[in-house]
Amino acid sequence: MSKEQLLLSDKYKAFLKHDAPVEFLEGTTAAGKTTVGIFKFMLLVAESKKKYHIIAAKDTGTAEKNIINKDLGIIDDFGILTEYNGNGTKDEKIPHILYHTNNGDKVIYVMGYGDKKKWQKALGGQYGCLYIDEVNTADIDFVREAAMRSDYMMATLNPDDPSLPVYKEYINCSRPLPEYKADAPDEINNMLTEEPKPGWVHWFFSFDHNLGLTKEKLAKIILNVPKGTKLWKNKIIGIRGRATGLVFSNFDRKHHTKEKEWAKRYIRSYDRVSRESQDEWFVHFTAGVDTSYSQKSPDTISFSFTGITNKGKCIVLDEKVYNNAELQTPIAPSDTIKNLVDFMERNRKEWGLARNIFLDSADQATMTEWKKYKRTQGSVYIVNDAWKKTEIIDRINMQLGWMSFDNDTGKEPDYYVLSHCMHYIHELESYSWDEKKDNTPEDKNDHMVNSTQYSWLPYVKNIGVMKT
């Protein structure tokens, strides 16, 4: 038995007492998530009416090291009440923990989600409690299958690439308890936007909640992580984001996202007195369209509406995104035209008229439908082929320049996006370089990126340069 004691902060005490069907424990490194989480898990297993339960990690060796045999791990905490059979037994072939409780013996299977063939063979039947270690690295098929078969699920994670499907399908469906919402960075809370599932709780834990972490140990952890890197943001601050390879690496929600009311100040006033006192206003409105009609991929049909001011600010004001893979009745090019006209009219009434729309020139099917619509219905709008002579790497370099800021000198960006444009924000935080090709982004997480670029490409001479 370890001489260490399980020291609990008030928040961890509240966590142990809280009753929920699904709980996600996210936060910084060394926050005590696994130590306290597995303790609660074992208590819930003891209370469960079911005999079989699951602990899952990358592989069984990781589970043994980080969950079962570590100080304040399962064997340390529960001693003679537990027997770990790493090679299985005659009756139970899968590695498992035999757990003696007042409700009878429980069997906790220990699975590795890194080997799909193994867990597919092992996963069957119905289970009481499910614990997934570092769920952000888990095979999403395992998460789906195991979660479906369990009465209760607990999962730990360190902040990671927010484009991973586990965030959209599971983690972002949870919500913090009101009294603890302020503990998490705004960047985390702002991502918990999927349709909430009843009772699903998101817990954010940091160094402050780990009473067993000494000042010396904390200082060493912080010293060993280069400040300002993505690793620093993930592990020390607890902000989600890919560790390497982001295209828009200088995108920062605090600097680049704004609310609608902030942008409304740039609508040109028609009142003479107000007009004379207004020193910055929108001079161009423009729209971009990028399309993919596939029903077998996450690719989307993406509309963007952008405003450019007389002082060079470029502001993405609105978006609309459709994904045929998520629709029972897929959208056809003719539907896209109707949706696009509705999108343009809504934004005309809210912001102003953008006569020119720039459509991916590779999509001639939608262009043909537009010509048919304009011939039969008439329209004030003009749909143009997108300007693609500017190479992708040059578009990226321009946008990175407009997004640059300097806290020391007070330099503000010239490029902004309104906070409700969550699809575009998601892409800015996940669009990455292709590791196998030089100066080439991956061909994913880019439909809103392309759409917005189509919208502003014809106006690049007006962005970030007109400061008077």
Protein backbone atom coordinates (compact mmCIF):
# COMPACT_ATOMS: atom_id res chain seq x y z
CA MET A 1 0.00 0.00 0.00
CA SER A 2 1.23 3.50 -0.86
CA LYS A 3 1.88 5.98 1.92
CA GLU A 4 0.28 8.68 -0.22
CA GLN A 5 -3.16 9.95 0.72
CA LEU A 6 -5.93 10.94 -1.66
CA LEU A 7 -6.26 14.67 -0.95
CA LEU A 8 -9.48 16.16 -2.27
CA SER A 9 -10.29 19.76 -3.13
CA ASP A 10 -13.85 20.98 -2.64
CA LYS A 11 -14.49 20.59 -6.37
CA TYR A 12 -13.31 16.99 -6.40
CA LYS A 13 -15.53 16.30 -3.37
CA ALA A 14 -18.47 17.73 -5.31
CA PHE A 15 -17.49 15.56 -8.29
CA LEU A 16 -17.48 12.41 -6.16
CA LYS A 17 -20.95 13.17 -4.82
CA HIS A 18 -22.52 14.20 -8.13
CA ASP A 19 -24.81 11.73 -9.91
CA ALA A 20 -24.69 11.78 -13.71
CA PRO A 21 -25.03 9.23 -16.54
CA VAL A 22 -22.02 10.58 -18.48
CA GLU A 23 -19.07 12.63 -17.20
CA PHE A 24 -16.08 14.08 -19.06
CA LEU A 25 -13.02 15.13 -17.07
CA GLU A 26 -11.01 17.60 -19.13
CA GLY A 27 -8.19 19.87 -18.03
CA THR A 28 -4.50 20.52 -17.67
CA THR A 29 -1.89 17.87 -17.18
CA ALA A 30 -1.28 16.72 -13.56
CA ALA A 31 -4.71 17.91 -12.44
CA GLY A 32 -5.57 14.62 -10.72
CA LYS A 33 -8.32 13.64 -13.18
CA THR A 34 -7.33 9.98 -13.45
CA THR A 35 -6.57 9.53 -9.75
CA VAL A 36 -9.92 10.86 -8.51
CA GLY A 37 -11.89 9.72 -11.55
CA ILE A 38 -10.94 6.05 -11.21
CA PHE A 39 -11.72 6.18 -7.47
CA LYS A 40 -15.28 7.34 -8.23
CA PHE A 41 -15.55 4.78 -11.01
CA MET A 42 -14.75 1.95 -8.61
CA LEU A 43 -17.34 3.19 -6.13
CA LEU A 44 -19.97 3.22 -8.89
CA VAL A 45 -18.98 -0.27 -10.01
CA ALA A 46 -19.56 -1.48 -6.45
CA GLU A 47 -23.04 0.04 -6.46
CA SER A 48 -23.99 -1.24 -9.91
CA LYS A 49 -26.43 -4.12 -10.34
CA LYS A 50 -24.47 -5.40 -13.33
CA LYS A 51 -21.55 -7.79 -13.02
CA TYR A 52 -19.46 -6.68 -16.01
CA HIS A 53 -17.73 -3.34 -16.49
CA ILE A 54 -14.94 -1.86 -18.67
CA ILE A 55 -11.75 0.13 -18.24
CA ALA A 56 -10.27 1.17 -21.60
CA ALA A 57 -6.91 2.76 -22.39
CA LYS A 58 -4.66 2.86 -25.45
CA ASP A 59 -3.48 -0.65 -24.54
CA THR A 60 -3.51 -2.89 -21.48
CA GLY A 61 0.07 -1.90 -20.61
CA THR A 62 -0.98 1.75 -20.40
CA ALA A 63 -3.95 0.81 -18.22
CA GLU A 64 -1.71 -1.18 -15.88
CA LYS A 65 0.81 1.66 -15.59
CA ASN A 66 -1.50 4.67 -15.33
CA ILE A 67 -4.65 3.26 -13.73
CA ILE A 68 -4.23 -0.11 -12.03
CA ASN A 69 -0.74 -0.30 -10.48
CA LYS A 70 0.25 3.35 -9.96
CA ASP A 71 0.34 5.11 -6.59
CA LEU A 72 -3.28 5.90 -5.64
CA GLY A 73 -4.37 3.58 -8.44
CA ILE A 74 -6.91 0.78 -8.16
CA ILE A 75 -4.71 -1.79 -6.40
CA ASP A 76 -3.32 0.87 -4.06
CA ASP A 77 -6.76 2.26 -3.15
CA PHE A 78 -8.78 -0.95 -2.93
CA GLY A 79 -6.13 -3.47 -1.89
CA ILE A 80 -7.36 -6.98 -1.13
CA LEU A 81 -10.77 -6.19 -2.58
CA THR A 82 -9.22 -6.38 -6.06
CA GLU A 83 -7.36 -9.07 -8.01
CA TYR A 84 -5.80 -8.13 -11.36
CA ASN A 85 -5.56 -10.94 -13.88
CA GLY A 86 -3.49 -9.46 -16.70
CA ASN A 87 -3.52 -12.67 -18.75
CA GLY A 88 -7.12 -13.54 -18.04
CA THR A 89 -8.24 -16.72 -16.30
CA LYS A 90 -9.78 -20.02 -17.26
CA ASP A 91 -13.29 -18.56 -16.97
CA GLU A 92 -12.53 -15.01 -18.18
CA LYS A 93 -10.07 -14.97 -21.08
CA ILE A 94 -9.87 -11.16 -21.28
CA PRO A 95 -7.51 -9.26 -18.92
CA HIS A 96 -9.68 -8.14 -16.02
CA ILE A 97 -9.94 -7.03 -12.42
CA LEU A 98 -11.96 -9.20 -10.05
CA TYR A 99 -13.53 -6.79 -7.57
CA HIS A 100 -15.09 -8.13 -4.36
CA THR A 101 -17.97 -5.89 -3.24
CA ASN A 102 -21.00 -6.02 -0.96
CA ASN A 103 -23.06 -6.55 -4.12
CA GLY A 104 -21.08 -9.60 -5.10
CA ASP A 105 -17.99 -10.03 -7.26
CA LYS A 106 -17.66 -7.66 -10.20
CA VAL A 107 -15.57 -8.24 -13.32
CA ILE A 108 -13.93 -5.17 -14.84
CA TYR A 109 -12.52 -5.94 -18.27
CA VAL A 110 -9.31 -4.09 -19.16
CA MET A 111 -9.28 -3.28 -22.88
CA GLY A 112 -6.97 -1.49 -25.30
CA TYR A 113 -8.79 0.67 -27.83
CA GLY A 114 -5.66 0.88 -29.97
CA ASP A 115 -6.13 -2.63 -31.40
CA LYS A 116 -9.46 -2.72 -33.22
CA LYS A 117 -9.41 -6.46 -33.90
CA LYS A 118 -8.96 -7.24 -30.21
CA TRP A 119 -11.63 -4.93 -28.83
CA GLN A 120 -14.13 -5.93 -31.51
CA LYS A 121 -13.78 -9.52 -30.32
CA ALA A 122 -13.89 -8.56 -26.65
CA LEU A 123 -16.74 -6.05 -26.72
CA GLY A 124 -20.11 -7.73 -26.43
CA GLY A 125 -23.17 -7.74 -24.23
CA GLN A 126 -24.23 -4.99 -21.85
CA TYR A 127 -22.08 -3.35 -19.20
CA GLY A 128 -22.59 -1.32 -16.06
CA CYS A 129 -19.79 1.26 -15.87
CA LEU A 130 -17.37 2.33 -18.61
CA TYR A 131 -14.13 4.25 -18.01
CA ILE A 132 -12.17 5.56 -21.04
CA ASP A 133 -8.71 6.96 -20.39
CA GLU A 134 -7.69 9.85 -22.70
CA VAL A 135 -10.84 9.51 -24.78
CA ASN A 136 -9.55 12.16 -27.21
CA THR A 137 -7.00 9.61 -28.48
CA ALA A 138 -9.45 6.68 -28.59
CA ASP A 139 -10.75 4.99 -31.73
CA ILE A 140 -14.09 6.73 -32.31
CA ASP A 141 -15.69 3.41 -33.31
CA PHE A 142 -14.73 1.99 -29.92
CA VAL A 143 -16.22 5.00 -28.12
CA ARG A 144 -19.49 4.65 -30.04
CA GLU A 145 -19.75 0.91 -29.48
CA ALA A 146 -18.74 0.92 -25.82
CA ALA A 147 -20.84 3.95 -24.86
CA MET A 148 -23.92 2.38 -26.42
CA ARG A 149 -23.48 -0.73 -24.28
CA SER A 150 -22.97 0.96 -20.90
CA ASP A 151 -25.24 2.39 -18.22
CA TYR A 152 -22.65 4.92 -17.08
CA MET A 153 -19.61 6.43 -18.83
CA MET A 154 -16.68 8.42 -17.45
CA ALA A 155 -13.91 9.66 -19.74
CA THR A 156 -10.77 11.67 -19.09
CA LEU A 157 -8.98 13.86 -21.62
CA ASN A 158 -6.39 16.54 -22.05
CA PRO A 159 -7.35 19.30 -24.51
CA ASP A 160 -6.57 18.22 -28.07
CA ASP A 161 -7.45 18.83 -31.72
CA PRO A 162 -11.04 20.18 -31.60
CA SER A 163 -11.80 18.74 -35.05
CA LEU A 164 -11.78 15.16 -33.71
CA PRO A 165 -15.24 13.56 -34.03
CA VAL A 166 -15.29 12.59 -30.34
CA TYR A 167 -15.73 16.28 -29.47
CA LYS A 168 -18.73 16.83 -31.72
CA GLU A 169 -20.43 13.51 -30.98
CA TYR A 170 -19.78 13.26 -27.25
CA ILE A 171 -17.73 15.82 -25.31
CA ASN A 172 -19.37 18.97 -26.71
CA CYS A 173 -22.80 17.55 -25.84
CA SER A 174 -21.94 17.89 -22.13
CA ARG A 175 -22.23 21.03 -20.01
CA PRO A 176 -20.50 22.28 -16.85
CA LEU A 177 -22.43 22.70 -13.63
CA PRO A 178 -23.26 26.44 -13.30
CA GLU A 179 -21.18 26.88 -10.15
CA TYR A 180 -18.05 25.56 -11.89
CA LYS A 181 -18.42 27.02 -15.37
CA ALA A 182 -15.93 29.83 -14.66
CA ASP A 183 -13.19 27.29 -13.86
CA ALA A 184 -12.74 26.41 -17.53
CA PRO A 185 -11.14 28.75 -20.09
CA ASP A 186 -13.71 30.57 -22.22
CA GLU A 187 -12.21 28.80 -25.24
CA ILE A 188 -13.40 25.47 -23.78
CA ASN A 189 -16.88 26.61 -22.70
CA ASN A 190 -17.45 28.24 -26.09
CA MET A 191 -16.92 24.88 -27.78
CA LEU A 192 -19.58 23.05 -25.75
CA THR A 193 -22.20 23.94 -28.35
CA GLU A 194 -23.62 20.63 -29.60
CA GLU A 195 -27.18 19.74 -28.62
CA PRO A 196 -26.94 19.02 -24.87
CA LYS A 197 -27.63 15.49 -23.66
CA PRO A 198 -29.70 15.30 -20.44
CA GLY A 199 -27.48 15.05 -17.37
CA TRP A 200 -24.16 14.90 -19.25
CA VAL A 201 -21.58 16.86 -17.23
CA HIS A 202 -18.33 18.47 -18.32
CA TRP A 203 -15.78 18.86 -15.53
CA PHE A 204 -12.70 21.03 -16.02
CA PHE A 205 -9.85 20.44 -13.58
CA SER A 206 -6.57 22.34 -13.32
CA PHE A 207 -3.49 22.35 -11.09
CA ASP A 208 -5.47 24.31 -8.49
CA HIS A 209 -7.78 21.35 -7.92
CA ASN A 210 -4.99 18.82 -7.30
CA LEU A 211 -4.13 19.22 -3.61
CA GLY A 212 -1.59 16.41 -3.89
CA LEU A 213 0.55 18.37 -6.37
CA THR A 214 3.44 20.09 -4.60
CA LYS A 215 4.65 23.56 -5.58
CA GLU A 216 8.01 22.06 -6.50
CA LYS A 217 6.49 19.45 -8.80
CA LEU A 218 4.23 22.05 -10.44
CA ALA A 219 7.17 24.39 -11.00
CA LYS A 220 9.11 21.58 -12.67
CA ILE A 221 6.20 20.68 -14.97
CA ILE A 222 5.77 24.30 -16.06
CA LEU A 223 9.51 24.80 -16.54
CA ASN A 224 9.75 21.76 -18.84
CA VAL A 225 7.10 22.99 -21.30
CA PRO A 226 8.16 25.79 -23.72
CA LYS A 227 5.97 28.80 -23.03
CA GLY A 228 3.72 29.98 -25.84
CA THR A 229 3.76 26.69 -27.76
CA LYS A 230 0.68 24.65 -28.59
CA LEU A 231 1.87 22.13 -26.00
CA TRP A 232 1.84 24.93 -23.43
CA LYS A 233 -1.71 25.85 -24.39
CA ASN A 234 -2.88 22.21 -24.29
CA LYS A 235 -1.12 20.96 -21.16
CA ILE A 236 -0.54 24.05 -18.99
CA ILE A 237 -3.44 26.36 -19.83
CA GLY A 238 -5.88 23.65 -20.90
CA ILE A 239 -6.97 25.08 -24.26
CA ARG A 240 -7.86 22.74 -27.11
CA GLY A 241 -5.90 22.83 -30.35
CA ARG A 242 -3.67 20.69 -32.52
CA ALA A 243 -0.18 20.43 -31.10
CA THR A 244 1.52 21.05 -34.45
CA GLY A 245 0.82 21.95 -38.04
CA LEU A 246 -1.96 24.53 -37.81
CA VAL A 247 -2.24 26.75 -40.89
CA PHE A 248 -3.73 29.73 -39.05
CA SER A 249 -1.48 29.37 -36.04
CA ASN A 250 -1.98 32.99 -34.99
CA PHE A 251 -5.78 32.73 -34.78
CA ASP A 252 -6.89 33.64 -31.26
CA ARG A 253 -10.55 33.88 -30.31
CA LYS A 254 -9.84 36.71 -27.89
CA HIS A 255 -8.40 38.85 -30.68
CA HIS A 256 -10.24 37.70 -33.79
CA THR A 257 -13.83 36.92 -32.76
CA LYS A 258 -16.35 39.69 -32.15
CA GLU A 259 -20.06 40.00 -31.42
CA LYS A 260 -22.64 41.31 -33.89
CA GLU A 261 -23.12 44.57 -32.03
CA TRP A 262 -19.44 45.39 -32.47
CA ALA A 263 -19.75 45.00 -36.25
CA LYS A 264 -23.02 46.93 -36.45
CA ARG A 265 -21.12 50.15 -35.72
CA TYR A 266 -19.65 49.93 -39.24
CA ILE A 267 -22.99 49.99 -41.06
CA ARG A 268 -23.09 53.32 -42.93
CA SER A 269 -25.43 55.72 -41.19
CA TYR A 270 -28.13 57.47 -43.24
CA ASP A 271 -28.61 60.17 -40.64
CA ARG A 272 -26.61 63.23 -41.79
CA VAL A 273 -25.26 64.15 -38.35
CA SER A 274 -24.31 60.58 -37.50
CA ARG A 275 -22.86 60.09 -40.97
CA GLU A 276 -20.53 63.07 -40.60
CA SER A 277 -19.20 61.80 -37.28
CA GLN A 278 -18.71 58.22 -38.51
CA ASP A 279 -15.05 57.61 -39.34
CA GLU A 280 -15.23 53.94 -40.38
CA TRP A 281 -17.91 52.09 -42.30
CA PHE A 282 -18.49 49.18 -44.65
CA VAL A 283 -17.68 49.99 -48.27
CA HIS A 284 -17.97 46.46 -49.68
CA PHE A 285 -20.18 43.49 -48.96
CA THR A 286 -19.33 40.25 -50.73
CA ALA A 287 -20.20 36.55 -50.55
CA GLY A 288 -18.42 33.27 -51.27
CA VAL A 289 -19.67 29.74 -51.97
CA ASP A 290 -17.75 26.46 -51.77
CA THR A 291 -19.62 23.24 -52.50
CA SER A 292 -19.39 19.50 -52.07
CA TYR A 293 -22.48 17.35 -52.61
CA SER A 294 -20.96 14.09 -51.34
CA GLN A 295 -23.09 11.98 -48.98
CA LYS A 296 -20.09 9.91 -47.88
CA SER A 297 -17.80 12.56 -46.41
CA PRO A 298 -17.86 15.44 -43.92
CA ASP A 299 -17.37 17.91 -46.80
CA THR A 300 -19.89 20.73 -46.85
CA ILE A 301 -21.77 23.30 -48.92
CA SER A 302 -20.55 26.54 -47.35
CA PHE A 303 -21.82 30.13 -47.73
CA SER A 304 -20.00 33.14 -46.30
CA PHE A 305 -20.97 36.83 -46.13
CA THR A 306 -18.14 39.31 -45.61
CA GLY A 307 -17.88 43.06 -45.02
CA ILE A 308 -14.86 45.27 -45.74
CA THR A 309 -14.51 48.75 -44.22
CA ASN A 310 -12.97 51.93 -45.58
CA LYS A 311 -10.08 51.44 -43.14
CA GLY A 312 -9.24 47.96 -44.31
CA LYS A 313 -11.00 45.73 -41.81
CA CYS A 314 -12.26 42.43 -43.25
CA ILE A 315 -15.07 40.93 -41.14
CA VAL A 316 -16.77 37.58 -41.79
CA LEU A 317 -20.33 38.50 -40.82
CA ASP A 318 -22.30 35.31 -41.43
CA GLU A 319 -22.11 31.70 -42.56
CA LYS A 320 -24.43 28.88 -43.56
CA VAL A 321 -23.24 25.30 -43.86
CA TYR A 322 -24.95 22.17 -45.16
CA ASN A 323 -23.63 18.60 -45.10
CA ASN A 324 -25.33 16.03 -47.30
CA ALA A 325 -23.93 13.21 -45.15
CA GLU A 326 -26.14 14.45 -42.30
CA LEU A 327 -29.33 14.92 -44.34
CA GLN A 328 -31.95 12.28 -45.16
CA THR A 329 -32.85 14.19 -48.33
CA PRO A 330 -29.59 15.37 -49.92
CA ILE A 331 -29.26 18.88 -51.28
CA ALA A 332 -28.96 19.22 -55.07
CA PRO A 333 -27.49 22.20 -56.98
CA SER A 334 -31.00 23.57 -57.54
CA ASP A 335 -31.60 23.51 -53.77
CA THR A 336 -28.30 25.30 -53.20
CA ILE A 337 -29.47 28.20 -55.38
CA LYS A 338 -32.67 28.64 -53.37
CA ASN A 339 -30.74 28.41 -50.11
CA LEU A 340 -28.16 30.89 -51.38
CA VAL A 341 -30.79 33.47 -52.36
CA ASP A 342 -32.38 33.15 -48.90
CA PHE A 343 -28.95 33.58 -47.30
CA MET A 344 -28.19 36.68 -49.37
CA GLU A 345 -31.58 38.26 -48.66
CA ARG A 346 -31.27 37.71 -44.93
CA ASN A 347 -27.89 39.38 -44.86
CA ARG A 348 -28.97 42.19 -47.18
CA LYS A 349 -31.65 43.12 -44.66
CA GLU A 350 -29.26 42.89 -41.71
CA TRP A 351 -26.07 44.35 -43.19
CA GLY A 352 -26.42 45.63 -46.73
CA LEU A 353 -26.46 44.53 -50.37
CA ALA A 354 -23.71 42.31 -51.73
CA ARG A 355 -24.43 42.10 -55.43
CA ASN A 356 -21.48 39.86 -56.25
CA ILE A 357 -21.25 36.24 -55.15
CA PHE A 358 -18.14 34.21 -55.92
CA LEU A 359 -18.71 30.48 -56.53
CA ASP A 360 -16.07 27.76 -56.76
CA SER A 361 -15.32 27.73 -60.49
CA ALA A 362 -15.01 23.93 -60.43
CA ASP A 363 -18.73 23.66 -59.65
CA GLN A 364 -20.34 24.26 -63.01
CA ALA A 365 -23.44 22.25 -62.06
CA THR A 366 -24.42 24.88 -59.50
CA MET A 367 -23.47 27.67 -61.92
CA THR A 368 -25.78 26.14 -64.55
CA GLU A 369 -28.62 26.05 -62.01
CA TRP A 370 -27.93 29.70 -61.17
CA LYS A 371 -28.18 30.77 -64.81
CA LYS A 372 -31.46 28.89 -65.11
CA TYR A 373 -32.77 30.56 -61.92
CA LYS A 374 -31.79 34.05 -63.05
CA ARG A 375 -33.33 33.51 -66.49
CA THR A 376 -36.65 32.30 -65.07
CA GLN A 377 -36.89 34.21 -61.79
CA GLY A 378 -34.67 37.25 -62.23
CA SER A 379 -32.30 38.44 -59.51
CA VAL A 380 -30.33 41.48 -58.38
CA TYR A 381 -27.38 39.20 -57.56
CA ILE A 382 -24.50 38.25 -59.83
CA VAL A 383 -22.80 34.87 -59.38
CA ASN A 384 -19.20 34.89 -60.62
CA ASP A 385 -16.60 32.18 -60.95
CA ALA A 386 -14.23 32.47 -58.00
CA TRP A 387 -10.87 34.14 -58.59
CA LYS A 388 -8.47 31.20 -58.31
CA LYS A 389 -5.37 32.63 -59.95
CA THR A 390 -4.07 33.51 -56.49
CA GLU A 391 -2.47 30.27 -55.22
CA ILE A 392 -3.60 28.78 -51.91
CA ILE A 393 -0.26 29.46 -50.21
CA ASP A 394 -0.48 33.15 -51.21
CA ARG A 395 -4.05 33.42 -49.90
CA ILE A 396 -2.92 31.92 -46.60
CA ASN A 397 0.04 34.30 -46.32
CA MET A 398 -2.21 37.31 -46.93
CA GLN A 399 -4.71 36.16 -44.33
CA LEU A 400 -2.01 35.42 -41.76
CA GLY A 401 -0.73 38.96 -42.26
CA TRP A 402 -4.18 40.47 -41.78
CA MET A 403 -4.67 38.35 -38.66
CA SER A 404 -1.39 39.46 -37.06
CA PHE A 405 -1.51 41.44 -33.81
CA ASP A 406 0.95 42.64 -31.19
CA ASN A 407 -0.04 43.05 -27.55
CA ASP A 408 3.11 45.05 -26.78
CA THR A 409 2.54 47.73 -29.41
CA GLY A 410 -1.26 47.58 -29.35
CA LYS A 411 -1.47 46.56 -33.02
CA GLU A 412 -4.91 45.11 -33.72
CA PRO A 413 -5.77 42.59 -36.47
CA ASP A 414 -7.37 43.59 -39.76
CA TYR A 415 -9.28 40.30 -40.00
CA TYR A 416 -12.22 39.27 -37.80
CA VAL A 417 -15.03 36.73 -37.64
CA LEU A 418 -18.30 37.09 -35.74
CA SER A 419 -18.67 34.65 -32.86
CA HIS A 420 -21.78 32.89 -34.22
CA CYS A 421 -19.81 31.63 -37.27
CA MET A 422 -18.82 28.48 -35.40
CA HIS A 423 -18.13 26.32 -38.47
CA TYR A 424 -15.57 28.82 -39.73
CA ILE A 425 -14.02 29.24 -36.28
CA HIS A 426 -13.76 25.45 -36.03
CA GLU A 427 -11.88 25.33 -39.35
CA LEU A 428 -9.53 28.15 -38.35
CA GLU A 429 -8.64 26.09 -35.29
CA SER A 430 -8.14 22.80 -37.16
CA TYR A 431 -7.07 23.53 -40.78
CA SER A 432 -3.57 22.03 -40.95
CA TRP A 433 -0.57 21.53 -43.19
CA ASP A 434 -0.16 18.23 -45.01
CA GLU A 435 2.79 16.50 -43.33
CA LYS A 436 3.65 14.69 -46.58
CA LYS A 437 3.80 17.77 -48.84
CA ASP A 438 5.66 21.07 -48.58
CA ASN A 439 3.60 24.27 -48.35
CA THR A 440 0.36 22.38 -48.94
CA PRO A 441 -2.59 22.26 -46.52
CA GLU A 442 -4.57 19.09 -45.91
CA ASP A 443 -7.63 18.67 -48.09
CA LYS A 444 -10.09 18.86 -45.19
CA ASN A 445 -11.49 21.35 -42.68
CA ASP A 446 -11.35 23.94 -45.46
CA HIS A 447 -14.78 24.56 -47.00
CA MET A 448 -15.53 27.70 -45.01
CA VAL A 449 -11.88 28.71 -45.41
CA ASN A 450 -12.29 28.48 -49.19
CA SER A 451 -15.69 30.18 -49.15
CA THR A 452 -14.41 33.21 -47.23
CA GLN A 453 -11.33 33.44 -49.44
CA TYR A 454 -13.51 33.46 -52.54
CA SER A 455 -15.47 36.33 -51.01
CA TRP A 456 -12.49 38.62 -50.33
CA LEU A 457 -10.06 37.71 -53.12
CA PRO A 458 -11.43 40.38 -55.51
CA TYR A 459 -10.95 43.03 -52.80
CA VAL A 460 -7.47 42.23 -51.43
CA LYS A 461 -6.21 45.73 -52.29
CA ASN A 462 -8.81 47.14 -49.87
CA ILE A 463 -7.91 44.96 -46.87
CA GLY A 464 -5.33 45.91 -44.26
CA VAL A 465 -4.04 48.93 -46.14
CA MET A 466 -6.48 51.85 -45.97
CA LYS A 467 -5.68 53.34 -42.56
CA THR A 468 -6.72 56.95 -43.12
